[in-house]
Amino acid sequence: MNSQQILTAYQEAADLTRLMLAAARAGDWDQVIEHEKACAAIISPLIGENTEALSDAAFRQRKAALIRSMLDDDAHIRALAEPQLSRLSQLIGNTRQQSRLHQSYGNLS
């Protein structure tokens, strides 16, 4: 990949993380997941991509800015997801406890 293709991919991923954040703020977690899948498909080929040869300072600065933007959006998404994850964890715990009680004591009625 050349430097322009790499920056284009990072820009697309940054745009998707922005959409993920908007969906998370709207509580549309299904859309967050869809955007995350699309983002992963873009980022995955970049992992391990040798960009050392692309030592242009402007390239490095733009790439770093895009990565910082994605990480910032990701942190906001995680903050929005935490209460949902805690609630789901509590529901799963309650369901497990009910299942164990039912297995231990059966239907007492």
PDB file of N, CA and C in Angstrom:
ATOM      1  N   MET A   1       0.846  -1.191   0.000  1.00  0.00           N
ATOM      2  CA  MET A   1       0.000   0.000   0.000  1.00  0.00           C
ATOM      3  C   MET A   1       0.882   1.241   0.000  1.00  0.00           C
ATOM      4  N   ASN A   2       0.471   2.236  -0.748  1.00  0.00           N
ATOM      5  CA  ASN A   2       1.223   3.482  -0.715  1.00  0.00           C
ATOM      6  C   ASN A   2       0.668   4.378   0.401  1.00  0.00           C
ATOM      7  N   SER A   3       1.338   5.467   0.652  1.00  0.00           N
ATOM      8  CA  SER A   3       0.966   6.334   1.774  1.00  0.00           C
ATOM      9  C   SER A   3      -0.449   6.886   1.635  1.00  0.00           C
ATOM     10  N   GLN A   4      -0.863   7.240   0.427  1.00  0.00           N
ATOM     11  CA  GLN A   4      -2.212   7.778   0.240  1.00  0.00           C
ATOM     12  C   GLN A   4      -3.277   6.722   0.537  1.00  0.00           C
ATOM     13  N   GLN A   5      -3.036   5.495   0.109  1.00  0.00           N
ATOM     14  CA  GLN A   5      -3.982   4.413   0.391  1.00  0.00           C
ATOM     15  C   GLN A   5      -4.085   4.145   1.889  1.00  0.00           C
ATOM     16  N   ILE A   6      -2.962   4.199   2.564  1.00  0.00           N
ATOM     17  CA  ILE A   6      -2.952   3.970   4.016  1.00  0.00           C
ATOM     18  C   ILE A   6      -3.720   5.078   4.724  1.00  0.00           C
ATOM     19  N   LEU A   7      -3.446   6.325   4.358  1.00  0.00           N
ATOM     20  CA  LEU A   7      -4.158   7.440   4.991  1.00  0.00           C
ATOM     21  C   LEU A   7      -5.649   7.398   4.686  1.00  0.00           C
ATOM     22  N   THR A   8      -6.001   7.002   3.477  1.00  0.00           N
ATOM     23  CA  THR A   8      -7.416   6.873   3.122  1.00  0.00           C
ATOM     24  C   THR A   8      -8.086   5.818   3.997  1.00  0.00           C
ATOM     25  N   ALA A   9      -7.412   4.703   4.209  1.00  0.00           N
ATOM     26  CA  ALA A   9      -7.967   3.643   5.059  1.00  0.00           C
ATOM     27  C   ALA A   9      -8.133   4.136   6.496  1.00  0.00           C
ATOM     28  N   TYR A  10      -7.126   4.816   7.018  1.00  0.00           N
ATOM     29  CA  TYR A  10      -7.242   5.356   8.373  1.00  0.00           C
ATOM     30  C   TYR A  10      -8.355   6.394   8.469  1.00  0.00           C
ATOM     31  N   GLN A  11      -8.515   7.211   7.441  1.00  0.00           N
ATOM     32  CA  GLN A  11      -9.593   8.204   7.445  1.00  0.00           C
ATOM     33  C   GLN A  11     -10.952   7.518   7.443  1.00  0.00           C
ATOM     34  N   GLU A  12     -11.103   6.474   6.641  1.00  0.00           N
ATOM     35  CA  GLU A  12     -12.367   5.720   6.622  1.00  0.00           C
ATOM     36  C   GLU A  12     -12.641   5.101   7.991  1.00  0.00           C
ATOM     37  N   ALA A  13     -11.615   4.565   8.616  1.00  0.00           N
ATOM     38  CA  ALA A  13     -11.782   3.977   9.948  1.00  0.00           C
ATOM     39  C   ALA A  13     -12.147   5.053  10.971  1.00  0.00           C
ATOM     40  N   ALA A  14     -11.526   6.210  10.868  1.00  0.00           N
ATOM     41  CA  ALA A  14     -11.844   7.310  11.786  1.00  0.00           C
ATOM     42  C   ALA A  14     -13.285   7.775  11.580  1.00  0.00           C
ATOM     43  N   ASP A  15     -13.722   7.837  10.327  1.00  0.00           N
ATOM     44  CA  ASP A  15     -15.108   8.214  10.047  1.00  0.00           C
ATOM     45  C   ASP A  15     -16.076   7.194  10.651  1.00  0.00           C
ATOM     46  N   LEU A  16     -15.717   5.924  10.544  1.00  0.00           N
ATOM     47  CA  LEU A  16     -16.576   4.881  11.126  1.00  0.00           C
ATOM     48  C   LEU A  16     -16.613   4.944  12.647  1.00  0.00           C
ATOM     49  N   THR A  17     -15.474   5.247  13.278  1.00  0.00           N
ATOM     50  CA  THR A  17     -15.501   5.356  14.746  1.00  0.00           C
ATOM     51  C   THR A  17     -16.352   6.548  15.177  1.00  0.00           C
ATOM     52  N   ARG A  18     -16.363   7.604  14.372  1.00  0.00           N
ATOM     53  CA  ARG A  18     -17.225   8.751  14.655  1.00  0.00           C
ATOM     54  C   ARG A  18     -18.694   8.336  14.561  1.00  0.00           C
ATOM     55  N   LEU A  19     -19.017   7.524  13.550  1.00  0.00           N
ATOM     56  CA  LEU A  19     -20.386   7.008  13.412  1.00  0.00           C
ATOM     57  C   LEU A  19     -20.728   6.061  14.562  1.00  0.00           C
ATOM     58  N   MET A  20     -19.751   5.272  14.993  1.00  0.00           N
ATOM     59  CA  MET A  20     -19.965   4.383  16.140  1.00  0.00           C
ATOM     60  C   MET A  20     -20.305   5.197  17.384  1.00  0.00           C
ATOM     61  N   LEU A  21     -19.580   6.280  17.585  1.00  0.00           N
ATOM     62  CA  LEU A  21     -19.823   7.130  18.741  1.00  0.00           C
ATOM     63  C   LEU A  21     -21.218   7.747  18.673  1.00  0.00           C
ATOM     64  N   ALA A  22     -21.606   8.219  17.504  1.00  0.00           N
ATOM     65  CA  ALA A  22     -22.950   8.793  17.353  1.00  0.00           C
ATOM     66  C   ALA A  22     -24.016   7.737  17.637  1.00  0.00           C
ATOM     67  N   ALA A  23     -23.802   6.530  17.145  1.00  0.00           N
ATOM     68  CA  ALA A  23     -24.765   5.449  17.398  1.00  0.00           C
ATOM     69  C   ALA A  23     -24.798   5.086  18.879  1.00  0.00           C
ATOM     70  N   ALA A  24     -23.645   5.074  19.529  1.00  0.00           N
ATOM     71  CA  ALA A  24     -23.597   4.775  20.965  1.00  0.00           C
ATOM     72  C   ALA A  24     -24.332   5.846  21.756  1.00  0.00           C
ATOM     73  N   ARG A  25     -24.140   7.092  21.385  1.00  0.00           N
ATOM     74  CA  ARG A  25     -24.847   8.183  22.076  1.00  0.00           C
ATOM     75  C   ARG A  25     -26.354   8.060  21.900  1.00  0.00           C
ATOM     76  N   ALA A  26     -26.778   7.514  20.747  1.00  0.00           N
ATOM     77  CA  ALA A  26     -28.207   7.322  20.482  1.00  0.00           C
ATOM     78  C   ALA A  26     -28.725   6.019  21.092  1.00  0.00           C
ATOM     79  N   GLY A  27     -27.819   5.223  21.653  1.00  0.00           N
ATOM     80  CA  GLY A  27     -28.223   3.952  22.237  1.00  0.00           C
ATOM     81  C   GLY A  27     -28.504   2.876  21.197  1.00  0.00           C
ATOM     82  N   ASP A  28     -28.026   3.072  19.987  1.00  0.00           N
ATOM     83  CA  ASP A  28     -28.232   2.108  18.907  1.00  0.00           C
ATOM     84  C   ASP A  28     -27.031   1.163  18.845  1.00  0.00           C
ATOM     85  N   TRP A  29     -27.012   0.191  19.760  1.00  0.00           N
ATOM     86  CA  TRP A  29     -25.858  -0.695  19.908  1.00  0.00           C
ATOM     87  C   TRP A  29     -25.715  -1.646  18.732  1.00  0.00           C
ATOM     88  N   ASP A  30     -26.801  -1.989  18.065  1.00  0.00           N
ATOM     89  CA  ASP A  30     -26.697  -2.829  16.868  1.00  0.00           C
ATOM     90  C   ASP A  30     -25.917  -2.093  15.781  1.00  0.00           C
ATOM     91  N   GLN A  31     -26.180  -0.800  15.645  1.00  0.00           N
ATOM     92  CA  GLN A  31     -25.462  -0.002  14.649  1.00  0.00           C
ATOM     93  C   GLN A  31     -23.995   0.154  15.043  1.00  0.00           C
ATOM     94  N   VAL A  32     -23.730   0.288  16.331  1.00  0.00           N
ATOM     95  CA  VAL A  32     -22.339   0.361  16.798  1.00  0.00           C
ATOM     96  C   VAL A  32     -21.590  -0.888  16.346  1.00  0.00           C
ATOM     97  N   ILE A  33     -22.212  -2.037  16.532  1.00  0.00           N
ATOM     98  CA  ILE A  33     -21.587  -3.308  16.167  1.00  0.00           C
ATOM     99  C   ILE A  33     -21.341  -3.387  14.660  1.00  0.00           C
ATOM    100  N   GLU A  34     -22.314  -2.944  13.873  1.00  0.00           N
ATOM    101  CA  GLU A  34     -22.146  -2.973  12.414  1.00  0.00           C
ATOM    102  C   GLU A  34     -20.990  -2.081  11.972  1.00  0.00           C
ATOM    103  N   HIS A  35     -20.920  -0.877  12.540  1.00  0.00           N
ATOM    104  CA  HIS A  35     -19.821   0.032  12.199  1.00  0.00           C
ATOM    105  C   HIS A  35     -18.482  -0.541  12.662  1.00  0.00           C
ATOM    106  N   GLU A  36     -18.481  -1.204  13.813  1.00  0.00           N
ATOM    107  CA  GLU A  36     -17.245  -1.788  14.328  1.00  0.00           C
ATOM    108  C   GLU A  36     -16.740  -2.884  13.400  1.00  0.00           C
ATOM    109  N   LYS A  37     -17.642  -3.696  12.879  1.00  0.00           N
ATOM    110  CA  LYS A  37     -17.248  -4.752  11.936  1.00  0.00           C
ATOM    111  C   LYS A  37     -16.630  -4.144  10.679  1.00  0.00           C
ATOM    112  N   ALA A  38     -17.241  -3.094  10.165  1.00  0.00           N
ATOM    113  CA  ALA A  38     -16.719  -2.429   8.969  1.00  0.00           C
ATOM    114  C   ALA A  38     -15.354  -1.806   9.255  1.00  0.00           C
ATOM    115  N   CYS A  39     -15.212  -1.225  10.425  1.00  0.00           N
ATOM    116  CA  CYS A  39     -13.948  -0.609  10.821  1.00  0.00           C
ATOM    117  C   CYS A  39     -12.855  -1.673  10.937  1.00  0.00           C
ATOM    118  N   ALA A  40     -13.173  -2.799  11.548  1.00  0.00           N
ATOM    119  CA  ALA A  40     -12.201  -3.882  11.695  1.00  0.00           C
ATOM    120  C   ALA A  40     -11.741  -4.389  10.333  1.00  0.00           C
ATOM    121  N   ALA A  41     -12.664  -4.449   9.380  1.00  0.00           N
ATOM    122  CA  ALA A  41     -12.308  -4.909   8.036  1.00  0.00           C
ATOM    123  C   ALA A  41     -11.334  -3.950   7.352  1.00  0.00           C
ATOM    124  N   ILE A  42     -11.438  -2.677   7.682  1.00  0.00           N
ATOM    125  CA  ILE A  42     -10.530  -1.682   7.100  1.00  0.00           C
ATOM    126  C   ILE A  42      -9.170  -1.722   7.787  1.00  0.00           C
ATOM    127  N   ILE A  43      -9.188  -1.824   9.115  1.00  0.00           N
ATOM    128  CA  ILE A  43      -7.959  -1.760   9.903  1.00  0.00           C
ATOM    129  C   ILE A  43      -7.140  -3.044   9.799  1.00  0.00           C
ATOM    130  N   SER A  44      -7.800  -4.160   9.709  1.00  0.00           N
ATOM    131  CA  SER A  44      -7.123  -5.448   9.715  1.00  0.00           C
ATOM    132  C   SER A  44      -5.985  -5.567   8.696  1.00  0.00           C
ATOM    133  N   PRO A  45      -6.164  -5.142   7.456  1.00  0.00           N
ATOM    134  CA  PRO A  45      -5.035  -5.233   6.508  1.00  0.00           C
ATOM    135  C   PRO A  45      -3.884  -4.285   6.844  1.00  0.00           C
ATOM    136  N   LEU A  46      -4.154  -3.264   7.645  1.00  0.00           N
ATOM    137  CA  LEU A  46      -3.106  -2.300   7.988  1.00  0.00           C
ATOM    138  C   LEU A  46      -2.191  -2.812   9.097  1.00  0.00           C
ATOM    139  N   ILE A  47      -2.668  -3.786   9.856  1.00  0.00           N
ATOM    140  CA  ILE A  47      -1.871  -4.317  10.950  1.00  0.00           C
ATOM    141  C   ILE A  47      -0.672  -5.040  10.355  1.00  0.00           C
ATOM    142  N   GLY A  48       0.481  -4.651  10.814  1.00  0.00           N
ATOM    143  CA  GLY A  48       1.703  -5.241  10.296  1.00  0.00           C
ATOM    144  C   GLY A  48       2.195  -4.601   9.004  1.00  0.00           C
ATOM    145  N   GLU A  49       1.431  -3.643   8.477  1.00  0.00           N
ATOM    146  CA  GLU A  49       1.847  -2.940   7.259  1.00  0.00           C
ATOM    147  C   GLU A  49       3.110  -2.150   7.582  1.00  0.00           C
ATOM    148  N   ASN A  50       4.140  -2.356   6.800  1.00  0.00           N
ATOM    149  CA  ASN A  50       5.411  -1.685   7.037  1.00  0.00           C
ATOM    150  C   ASN A  50       5.331  -0.250   6.520  1.00  0.00           C
ATOM    151  N   THR A  51       5.128   0.682   7.450  1.00  0.00           N
ATOM    152  CA  THR A  51       5.050   2.092   7.053  1.00  0.00           C
ATOM    153  C   THR A  51       6.337   2.836   7.378  1.00  0.00           C
ATOM    154  N   GLU A  52       7.350   2.114   7.858  1.00  0.00           N
ATOM    155  CA  GLU A  52       8.624   2.768   8.157  1.00  0.00           C
ATOM    156  C   GLU A  52       9.236   3.378   6.905  1.00  0.00           C
ATOM    157  N   ALA A  53       9.034   2.704   5.787  1.00  0.00           N
ATOM    158  CA  ALA A  53       9.572   3.225   4.530  1.00  0.00           C
ATOM    159  C   ALA A  53       8.889   4.531   4.144  1.00  0.00           C
ATOM    160  N   LEU A  54       7.684   4.734   4.666  1.00  0.00           N
ATOM    161  CA  LEU A  54       6.942   5.962   4.383  1.00  0.00           C
ATOM    162  C   LEU A  54       7.253   6.970   5.488  1.00  0.00           C
ATOM    163  N   SER A  55       8.459   7.473   5.459  1.00  0.00           N
ATOM    164  CA  SER A  55       8.929   8.289   6.577  1.00  0.00           C
ATOM    165  C   SER A  55       8.618   9.776   6.438  1.00  0.00           C
ATOM    166  N   ASP A  56       7.780  10.126   5.508  1.00  0.00           N
ATOM    167  CA  ASP A  56       7.391  11.510   5.322  1.00  0.00           C
ATOM    168  C   ASP A  56       6.729  12.031   6.606  1.00  0.00           C
ATOM    169  N   ALA A  57       7.195  13.159   7.082  1.00  0.00           N
ATOM    170  CA  ALA A  57       6.700  13.722   8.345  1.00  0.00           C
ATOM    171  C   ALA A  57       5.206  14.028   8.281  1.00  0.00           C
ATOM    172  N   ALA A  58       4.746  14.546   7.167  1.00  0.00           N
ATOM    173  CA  ALA A  58       3.321  14.873   7.036  1.00  0.00           C
ATOM    174  C   ALA A  58       2.469  13.599   7.107  1.00  0.00           C
ATOM    175  N   PHE A  59       2.961  12.523   6.496  1.00  0.00           N
ATOM    176  CA  PHE A  59       2.257  11.237   6.565  1.00  0.00           C
ATOM    177  C   PHE A  59       2.163  10.766   8.008  1.00  0.00           C
ATOM    178  N   ARG A  60       3.290  10.776   8.708  1.00  0.00           N
ATOM    179  CA  ARG A  60       3.310  10.307  10.103  1.00  0.00           C
ATOM    180  C   ARG A  60       2.394  11.152  10.985  1.00  0.00           C
ATOM    181  N   GLN A  61       2.406  12.457  10.785  1.00  0.00           N
ATOM    182  CA  GLN A  61       1.559  13.340  11.591  1.00  0.00           C
ATOM    183  C   GLN A  61       0.084  13.083  11.322  1.00  0.00           C
ATOM    184  N   ARG A  62      -0.288  12.932  10.053  1.00  0.00           N
ATOM    185  CA  ARG A  62      -1.695  12.689   9.709  1.00  0.00           C
ATOM    186  C   ARG A  62      -2.149  11.334  10.233  1.00  0.00           C
ATOM    187  N   LYS A  63      -1.317  10.316  10.074  1.00  0.00           N
ATOM    188  CA  LYS A  63      -1.644   8.978  10.577  1.00  0.00           C
ATOM    189  C   LYS A  63      -1.819   9.019  12.098  1.00  0.00           C
ATOM    190  N   ALA A  64      -0.911   9.677  12.792  1.00  0.00           N
ATOM    191  CA  ALA A  64      -0.995   9.780  14.257  1.00  0.00           C
ATOM    192  C   ALA A  64      -2.259  10.524  14.683  1.00  0.00           C
ATOM    193  N   ALA A  65      -2.611  11.586  13.966  1.00  0.00           N
ATOM    194  CA  ALA A  65      -3.819  12.345  14.303  1.00  0.00           C
ATOM    195  C   ALA A  65      -5.068  11.492  14.119  1.00  0.00           C
ATOM    196  N   LEU A  66      -5.100  10.705  13.058  1.00  0.00           N
ATOM    197  CA  LEU A  66      -6.256   9.830  12.818  1.00  0.00           C
ATOM    198  C   LEU A  66      -6.355   8.748  13.891  1.00  0.00           C
ATOM    199  N   ILE A  67      -5.235   8.181  14.258  1.00  0.00           N
ATOM    200  CA  ILE A  67      -5.238   7.151  15.308  1.00  0.00           C
ATOM    201  C   ILE A  67      -5.673   7.755  16.637  1.00  0.00           C
ATOM    202  N   ARG A  68      -5.175   8.945  16.971  1.00  0.00           N
ATOM    203  CA  ARG A  68      -5.602   9.608  18.213  1.00  0.00           C
ATOM    204  C   ARG A  68      -7.105   9.871  18.211  1.00  0.00           C
ATOM    205  N   SER A  69      -7.629  10.293  17.070  1.00  0.00           N
ATOM    206  CA  SER A  69      -9.064  10.542  16.946  1.00  0.00           C
ATOM    207  C   SER A  69      -9.860   9.262  17.192  1.00  0.00           C
ATOM    208  N   MET A  70      -9.399   8.156  16.598  1.00  0.00           N
ATOM    209  CA  MET A  70     -10.091   6.874  16.787  1.00  0.00           C
ATOM    210  C   MET A  70     -10.030   6.421  18.253  1.00  0.00           C
ATOM    211  N   LEU A  71      -8.874   6.598  18.871  1.00  0.00           N
ATOM    212  CA  LEU A  71      -8.735   6.192  20.277  1.00  0.00           C
ATOM    213  C   LEU A  71      -9.615   7.046  21.188  1.00  0.00           C
ATOM    214  N   ASP A  72      -9.709   8.333  20.880  1.00  0.00           N
ATOM    215  CA  ASP A  72     -10.563   9.222  21.662  1.00  0.00           C
ATOM    216  C   ASP A  72     -12.030   8.820  21.526  1.00  0.00           C
ATOM    217  N   ASP A  73     -12.473   8.571  20.298  1.00  0.00           N
ATOM    218  CA  ASP A  73     -13.851   8.121  20.072  1.00  0.00           C
ATOM    219  C   ASP A  73     -14.100   6.786  20.766  1.00  0.00           C
ATOM    220  N   ASP A  74     -13.119   5.886  20.696  1.00  0.00           N
ATOM    221  CA  ASP A  74     -13.241   4.582  21.340  1.00  0.00           C
ATOM    222  C   ASP A  74     -13.407   4.734  22.854  1.00  0.00           C
ATOM    223  N   ALA A  75     -12.661   5.634  23.458  1.00  0.00           N
ATOM    224  CA  ALA A  75     -12.784   5.864  24.904  1.00  0.00           C
ATOM    225  C   ALA A  75     -14.185   6.370  25.246  1.00  0.00           C
ATOM    226  N   HIS A  76     -14.726   7.253  24.430  1.00  0.00           N
ATOM    227  CA  HIS A  76     -16.084   7.763  24.671  1.00  0.00           C
ATOM    228  C   HIS A  76     -17.120   6.648  24.510  1.00  0.00           C
ATOM    229  N   ILE A  77     -16.921   5.809  23.498  1.00  0.00           N
ATOM    230  CA  ILE A  77     -17.845   4.684  23.278  1.00  0.00           C
ATOM    231  C   ILE A  77     -17.806   3.745  24.474  1.00  0.00           C
ATOM    232  N   ARG A  78     -16.611   3.446  24.961  1.00  0.00           N
ATOM    233  CA  ARG A  78     -16.475   2.563  26.129  1.00  0.00           C
ATOM    234  C   ARG A  78     -17.176   3.163  27.356  1.00  0.00           C
ATOM    235  N   ALA A  79     -17.034   4.462  27.541  1.00  0.00           N
ATOM    236  CA  ALA A  79     -17.694   5.114  28.670  1.00  0.00           C
ATOM    237  C   ALA A  79     -19.214   5.000  28.556  1.00  0.00           C
ATOM    238  N   LEU A  80     -19.724   5.098  27.341  1.00  0.00           N
ATOM    239  CA  LEU A  80     -21.165   4.959  27.133  1.00  0.00           C
ATOM    240  C   LEU A  80     -21.611   3.502  27.269  1.00  0.00           C
ATOM    241  N   ALA A  81     -20.741   2.578  26.915  1.00  0.00           N
ATOM    242  CA  ALA A  81     -21.093   1.156  26.964  1.00  0.00           C
ATOM    243  C   ALA A  81     -21.014   0.578  28.372  1.00  0.00           C
ATOM    244  N   GLU A  82     -20.174   1.136  29.225  1.00  0.00           N
ATOM    245  CA  GLU A  82     -19.974   0.576  30.573  1.00  0.00           C
ATOM    246  C   GLU A  82     -21.277   0.348  31.338  1.00  0.00           C
ATOM    247  N   PRO A  83     -22.168   1.333  31.429  1.00  0.00           N
ATOM    248  CA  PRO A  83     -23.412   1.084  32.168  1.00  0.00           C
ATOM    249  C   PRO A  83     -24.232  -0.051  31.548  1.00  0.00           C
ATOM    250  N   GLN A  84     -24.240  -0.125  30.222  1.00  0.00           N
ATOM    251  CA  GLN A  84     -24.976  -1.201  29.550  1.00  0.00           C
ATOM    252  C   GLN A  84     -24.355  -2.558  29.861  1.00  0.00           C
ATOM    253  N   LEU A  85     -23.032  -2.617  29.826  1.00  0.00           N
ATOM    254  CA  LEU A  85     -22.337  -3.873  30.116  1.00  0.00           C
ATOM    255  C   LEU A  85     -22.549  -4.295  31.564  1.00  0.00           C
ATOM    256  N   SER A  86     -22.539  -3.345  32.469  1.00  0.00           N
ATOM    257  CA  SER A  86     -22.784  -3.658  33.884  1.00  0.00           C
ATOM    258  C   SER A  86     -24.192  -4.195  34.080  1.00  0.00           C
ATOM    259  N   ARG A  87     -25.151  -3.571  33.415  1.00  0.00           N
ATOM    260  CA  ARG A  87     -26.537  -4.015  33.522  1.00  0.00           C
ATOM    261  C   ARG A  87     -26.676  -5.432  32.967  1.00  0.00           C
ATOM    262  N   LEU A  88     -26.077  -5.699  31.816  1.00  0.00           N
ATOM    263  CA  LEU A  88     -26.133  -7.039  31.230  1.00  0.00           C
ATOM    264  C   LEU A  88     -25.456  -8.066  32.127  1.00  0.00           C
ATOM    265  N   SER A  89     -24.341  -7.696  32.705  1.00  0.00           N
ATOM    266  CA  SER A  89     -23.637  -8.599  33.614  1.00  0.00           C
ATOM    267  C   SER A  89     -24.509  -8.944  34.816  1.00  0.00           C
ATOM    268  N   GLN A  90     -25.191  -7.953  35.341  1.00  0.00           N
ATOM    269  CA  GLN A  90     -26.077  -8.173  36.481  1.00  0.00           C
ATOM    270  C   GLN A  90     -27.241  -9.085  36.086  1.00  0.00           C
ATOM    271  N   LEU A  91     -27.814  -8.863  34.910  1.00  0.00           N
ATOM    272  CA  LEU A  91     -28.908  -9.713  34.438  1.00  0.00           C
ATOM    273  C   LEU A  91     -28.448 -11.157  34.253  1.00  0.00           C
ATOM    274  N   ILE A  92     -27.268 -11.330  33.685  1.00  0.00           N
ATOM    275  CA  ILE A  92     -26.731 -12.676  33.489  1.00  0.00           C
ATOM    276  C   ILE A  92     -26.485 -13.340  34.835  1.00  0.00           C
ATOM    277  N   GLY A  93     -25.951 -12.596  35.781  1.00  0.00           N
ATOM    278  CA  GLY A  93     -25.715 -13.134  37.127  1.00  0.00           C
ATOM    279  C   GLY A  93     -27.009 -13.564  37.798  1.00  0.00           C
ATOM    280  N   ASN A  94     -28.044 -12.735  37.660  1.00  0.00           N
ATOM    281  CA  ASN A  94     -29.346 -13.078  38.246  1.00  0.00           C
ATOM    282  C   ASN A  94     -29.930 -14.319  37.590  1.00  0.00           C
ATOM    283  N   THR A  95     -29.784 -14.416  36.288  1.00  0.00           N
ATOM    284  CA  THR A  95     -30.303 -15.577  35.564  1.00  0.00           C
ATOM    285  C   THR A  95     -29.573 -16.843  36.000  1.00  0.00           C
ATOM    286  N   ARG A  96     -28.266 -16.768  36.147  1.00  0.00           N
ATOM    287  CA  ARG A  96     -27.487 -17.930  36.605  1.00  0.00           C
ATOM    288  C   ARG A  96     -27.913 -18.346  38.009  1.00  0.00           C
ATOM    289  N   GLN A  97     -28.092 -17.361  38.868  1.00  0.00           N
ATOM    290  CA  GLN A  97     -28.496 -17.662  40.241  1.00  0.00           C
ATOM    291  C   GLN A  97     -29.871 -18.327  40.250  1.00  0.00           C
ATOM    292  N   GLN A  98     -30.789 -17.819  39.465  1.00  0.00           N
ATOM    293  CA  GLN A  98     -32.119 -18.421  39.391  1.00  0.00           C
ATOM    294  C   GLN A  98     -32.036 -19.850  38.863  1.00  0.00           C
ATOM    295  N   SER A  99     -31.182 -20.065  37.878  1.00  0.00           N
ATOM    296  CA  SER A  99     -31.028 -21.399  37.311  1.00  0.00           C
ATOM    297  C   SER A  99     -30.463 -22.370  38.342  1.00  0.00           C
ATOM    298  N   ARG A 100     -29.466 -21.925  39.093  1.00  0.00           N
ATOM    299  CA  ARG A 100     -28.885 -22.789  40.142  1.00  0.00           C
ATOM    300  C   ARG A 100     -29.911 -23.103  41.223  1.00  0.00           C
ATOM    301  N   LEU A 101     -30.687 -22.112  41.612  1.00  0.00           N
ATOM    302  CA  LEU A 101     -31.722 -22.343  42.624  1.00  0.00           C
ATOM    303  C   LEU A 101     -32.766 -23.335  42.111  1.00  0.00           C
ATOM    304  N   HIS A 102     -33.127 -23.170  40.863  1.00  0.00           N
ATOM    305  CA  HIS A 102     -34.117 -24.073  40.281  1.00  0.00           C
ATOM    306  C   HIS A 102     -33.574 -25.499  40.216  1.00  0.00           C
ATOM    307  N   GLN A 103     -32.291 -25.631  39.838  1.00  0.00           N
ATOM    308  CA  GLN A 103     -31.665 -26.954  39.777  1.00  0.00           C
ATOM    309  C   GLN A 103     -31.566 -27.571  41.174  1.00  0.00           C
ATOM    310  N   SER A 104     -31.269 -26.749  42.176  1.00  0.00           N
ATOM    311  CA  SER A 104     -31.118 -27.261  43.535  1.00  0.00           C
ATOM    312  C   SER A 104     -32.446 -27.622  44.184  1.00  0.00           C
ATOM    313  N   TYR A 105     -33.427 -26.783  44.004  1.00  0.00           N
ATOM    314  CA  TYR A 105     -34.670 -26.954  44.734  1.00  0.00           C
ATOM    315  C   TYR A 105     -35.859 -27.341  43.847  1.00  0.00           C
ATOM    316  N   GLY A 106     -35.667 -27.271  42.542  1.00  0.00           N
ATOM    317  CA  GLY A 106     -36.752 -27.621  41.650  1.00  0.00           C
ATOM    318  C   GLY A 106     -37.915 -26.650  41.785  1.00  0.00           C
ATOM    319  N   ASN A 107     -39.037 -27.062  41.283  1.00  0.00           N
ATOM    320  CA  ASN A 107     -40.236 -26.249  41.356  1.00  0.00           C
ATOM    321  C   ASN A 107     -40.982 -26.592  42.640  1.00  0.00           C
ATOM    322  N   LEU A 108     -40.943 -25.686  43.629  1.00  0.00           N
ATOM    323  CA  LEU A 108     -41.540 -25.958  44.940  1.00  0.00           C
ATOM    324  C   LEU A 108     -43.043 -25.674  44.983  1.00  0.00           C
ATOM    325  N   SER A 109     -43.609 -25.163  43.965  1.00  0.00           N
ATOM    326  CA  SER A 109     -45.033 -24.862  44.019  1.00  0.00           C
ATOM    327  C   SER A 109     -45.910 -26.017  43.746  1.00  0.00           C
TER     328      SER A 109
END
